[in-house]
């Protein structure tokens, strides 16, 4: 049982270090194909005309504050994901407290293990959804002519 857990842990660490390399891989050298984005534009797909008919053409350009739809949706998505993250953290802590207070009761321990496993899976799903939504929102910002928003900075750690 322990050997399988160690195998799983080692494989997880390797996958966690390897997968970003695939996601951020870029072609090198002078033979890289032209990006697909260069051949598909809003002008040749008819999106400019559709946006002009709705009054949303260049909706984000010149918008003050948070008047842009992409900014509003990005803010809402980030708020929802943050709240779900806090709920999962408390769910994980509650599972740990249940495990510590089970007093050796196998049913209580199993319930706590299930809660902890569910919280960890939820956090993995939450991390993936954050990555996907960040990518989509940055692409929307680029499409609307805004500079891509940078990722939120980590809080500074206190000095020694």
Protein backbone atom coordinates (compact mmCIF):
# COMPACT_ATOMS: atom_id res chain seq x y z
CA UNK A 1 0.00 0.00 0.00
CA UNK A 2 2.78 2.44 0.92
CA UNK A 3 4.75 1.54 -2.17
CA UNK A 4 1.76 2.36 -4.39
CA UNK A 5 1.29 5.67 -2.62
CA UNK A 6 4.95 6.53 -3.13
CA UNK A 7 4.67 5.56 -6.80
CA UNK A 8 1.59 7.72 -7.16
CA UNK A 9 3.28 10.63 -5.39
CA UNK A 10 6.41 10.38 -7.54
CA UNK A 11 4.34 10.17 -10.72
CA UNK A 12 2.27 13.16 -9.63
CA UNK A 13 5.37 15.27 -9.02
CA UNK A 14 6.83 14.32 -12.39
CA UNK A 15 3.54 15.08 -14.13
CA UNK A 16 3.20 18.41 -12.32
CA UNK A 17 6.65 19.42 -13.52
CA UNK A 18 6.26 18.05 -17.04
CA UNK A 19 2.75 19.18 -18.05
CA UNK A 20 3.53 22.93 -17.99
CA UNK A 21 6.38 22.29 -20.39
CA UNK A 22 3.85 20.97 -22.89
CA UNK A 23 1.42 23.80 -22.32
CA UNK A 24 4.00 26.54 -22.78
CA UNK A 25 5.94 24.86 -25.57
CA UNK A 26 6.81 27.18 -28.44
CA UNK A 27 8.22 26.46 -31.84
CA UNK A 28 11.84 27.46 -32.27
CA UNK A 29 13.87 28.18 -35.36
CA UNK A 30 12.92 29.90 -38.59
CA UNK A 31 10.57 27.17 -39.83
CA UNK A 32 7.75 27.87 -37.40
CA UNK A 33 4.35 27.99 -39.11
CA UNK A 34 2.46 31.27 -39.10
CA UNK A 35 0.02 31.49 -36.22
CA UNK A 36 -3.52 30.54 -37.02
CA UNK A 37 -4.64 33.81 -35.48
CA UNK A 38 -3.00 35.72 -38.35
CA UNK A 39 -5.27 34.11 -40.96
CA UNK A 40 -8.53 34.38 -39.00
CA UNK A 41 -9.50 37.95 -38.30
CA UNK A 42 -12.73 39.60 -37.26
CA UNK A 43 -12.92 41.30 -40.65
CA UNK A 44 -12.85 38.12 -42.76
CA UNK A 45 -15.22 36.22 -40.47
CA UNK A 46 -17.93 38.90 -40.43
CA UNK A 47 -17.63 39.54 -36.71
CA UNK A 48 -16.92 43.25 -37.25
CA UNK A 49 -20.20 43.68 -39.11
CA UNK A 50 -22.12 41.71 -36.48
CA UNK A 51 -20.58 43.76 -33.68
CA UNK A 52 -21.38 47.02 -35.48
CA UNK A 53 -25.04 45.96 -35.76
CA UNK A 54 -25.23 45.31 -32.01
CA UNK A 55 -23.40 48.46 -31.03
CA UNK A 56 -20.59 46.49 -29.41
CA UNK A 57 -17.82 47.23 -31.88
CA UNK A 58 -14.73 48.37 -30.00
CA UNK A 59 -16.69 48.01 -26.78
CA UNK A 60 -13.65 47.99 -24.54
CA UNK A 61 -11.65 50.71 -26.22
CA UNK A 62 -11.99 53.95 -24.35
CA UNK A 63 -14.12 52.32 -21.64
CA UNK A 64 -13.48 53.87 -18.26
CA UNK A 65 -12.89 51.73 -15.18
CA UNK A 66 -14.75 48.44 -15.35
CA UNK A 67 -17.21 49.32 -18.13
CA UNK A 68 -15.97 46.58 -20.45
CA UNK A 69 -17.93 43.32 -20.50
CA UNK A 70 -14.73 41.26 -20.53
CA UNK A 71 -13.49 43.04 -17.40
CA UNK A 72 -16.80 42.59 -15.62
CA UNK A 73 -16.99 38.88 -16.46
CA UNK A 74 -13.33 38.39 -15.49
CA UNK A 75 -13.95 40.03 -12.14
CA UNK A 76 -17.04 37.92 -11.49
CA UNK A 77 -15.27 34.69 -12.44
CA UNK A 78 -12.32 35.51 -10.19
CA UNK A 79 -14.63 36.31 -7.26
CA UNK A 80 -16.57 33.06 -7.70
CA UNK A 81 -13.40 30.98 -8.00
CA UNK A 82 -11.96 32.63 -4.90
CA UNK A 83 -15.09 31.90 -2.89
CA UNK A 84 -15.14 28.28 -4.02
CA UNK A 85 -11.46 27.99 -3.07
CA UNK A 86 -12.20 29.23 0.46
CA UNK A 87 -15.13 26.82 0.76
CA UNK A 88 -12.92 23.93 -0.31
CA UNK A 89 -10.27 24.96 2.18
CA UNK A 90 -12.80 24.92 5.01
CA UNK A 91 -14.19 21.59 3.75
CA UNK A 92 -10.66 20.16 3.87
CA UNK A 93 -10.08 21.52 7.37
CA UNK A 94 -13.43 20.15 8.55
CA UNK A 95 -12.50 16.71 7.19
CA UNK A 96 -9.22 16.87 9.11
CA UNK A 97 -11.01 17.86 12.30
CA UNK A 98 -13.47 14.99 11.85
CA UNK A 99 -10.59 12.58 11.40
CA UNK A 100 -8.81 13.82 14.53
CA UNK A 101 -11.97 13.64 16.64
CA UNK A 102 -13.20 10.29 15.34
CA UNK A 103 -11.54 8.48 18.22
CA UNK A 104 -10.68 5.42 16.16
CA UNK A 105 -14.23 4.90 14.88
CA UNK A 106 -13.77 3.36 11.43
CA UNK A 107 -16.96 4.91 10.08
CA UNK A 108 -15.88 8.39 11.21
CA UNK A 109 -12.40 7.93 9.77
CA UNK A 110 -13.82 6.77 6.44
CA UNK A 111 -16.19 9.73 6.30
CA UNK A 112 -13.28 12.10 7.03
CA UNK A 113 -11.07 10.47 4.38
CA UNK A 114 -13.84 10.82 1.82
CA UNK A 115 -14.26 14.51 2.69
CA UNK A 116 -10.53 15.15 2.35
CA UNK A 117 -10.34 13.30 -0.96
CA UNK A 118 -13.32 15.24 -2.30
CA UNK A 119 -11.75 18.53 -1.20
CA UNK A 120 -8.45 17.71 -2.91
CA UNK A 121 -10.20 16.73 -6.15
CA UNK A 122 -12.23 19.93 -5.93
CA UNK A 123 -9.06 21.98 -5.54
CA UNK A 124 -7.53 20.30 -8.58
CA UNK A 125 -10.66 21.07 -10.62
CA UNK A 126 -10.66 24.63 -9.27
CA UNK A 127 -7.03 25.12 -10.30
CA UNK A 128 -7.77 23.85 -13.80
CA UNK A 129 -10.81 26.09 -14.12
CA UNK A 130 -8.75 29.09 -12.97
CA UNK A 131 -6.12 28.34 -15.61
CA UNK A 132 -8.74 27.93 -18.34
CA UNK A 133 -10.64 31.07 -17.38
CA UNK A 134 -7.41 33.10 -17.19
CA UNK A 135 -6.48 31.94 -20.68
CA UNK A 136 -9.92 32.66 -22.12
CA UNK A 137 -10.12 36.09 -20.49
CA UNK A 138 -6.67 37.06 -21.71
CA UNK A 139 -7.68 36.03 -25.23
CA UNK A 140 -10.88 38.07 -24.94
CA UNK A 141 -8.90 41.08 -23.77
CA UNK A 142 -6.56 40.69 -26.74
CA UNK A 143 -9.51 40.35 -29.13
CA UNK A 144 -11.11 43.51 -27.76
CA UNK A 145 -7.88 45.42 -28.16
CA UNK A 146 -6.89 45.63 -24.51
CA UNK A 147 -3.47 44.68 -23.24
CA UNK A 148 -3.57 41.25 -21.68
CA UNK A 149 -4.01 41.45 -17.94
CA UNK A 150 -1.11 40.08 -15.98
CA UNK A 151 -1.58 37.31 -13.48
CA UNK A 152 -2.20 38.42 -9.92
CA UNK A 153 1.02 38.82 -8.01
CA UNK A 154 1.75 36.68 -4.99
CA UNK A 155 1.81 38.58 -1.72
CA UNK A 156 5.27 39.63 -0.61
CA UNK A 157 6.76 37.50 2.13
CA UNK A 158 7.93 39.31 5.23
CA UNK A 159 11.67 39.94 5.42
CA UNK A 160 13.97 38.25 7.95
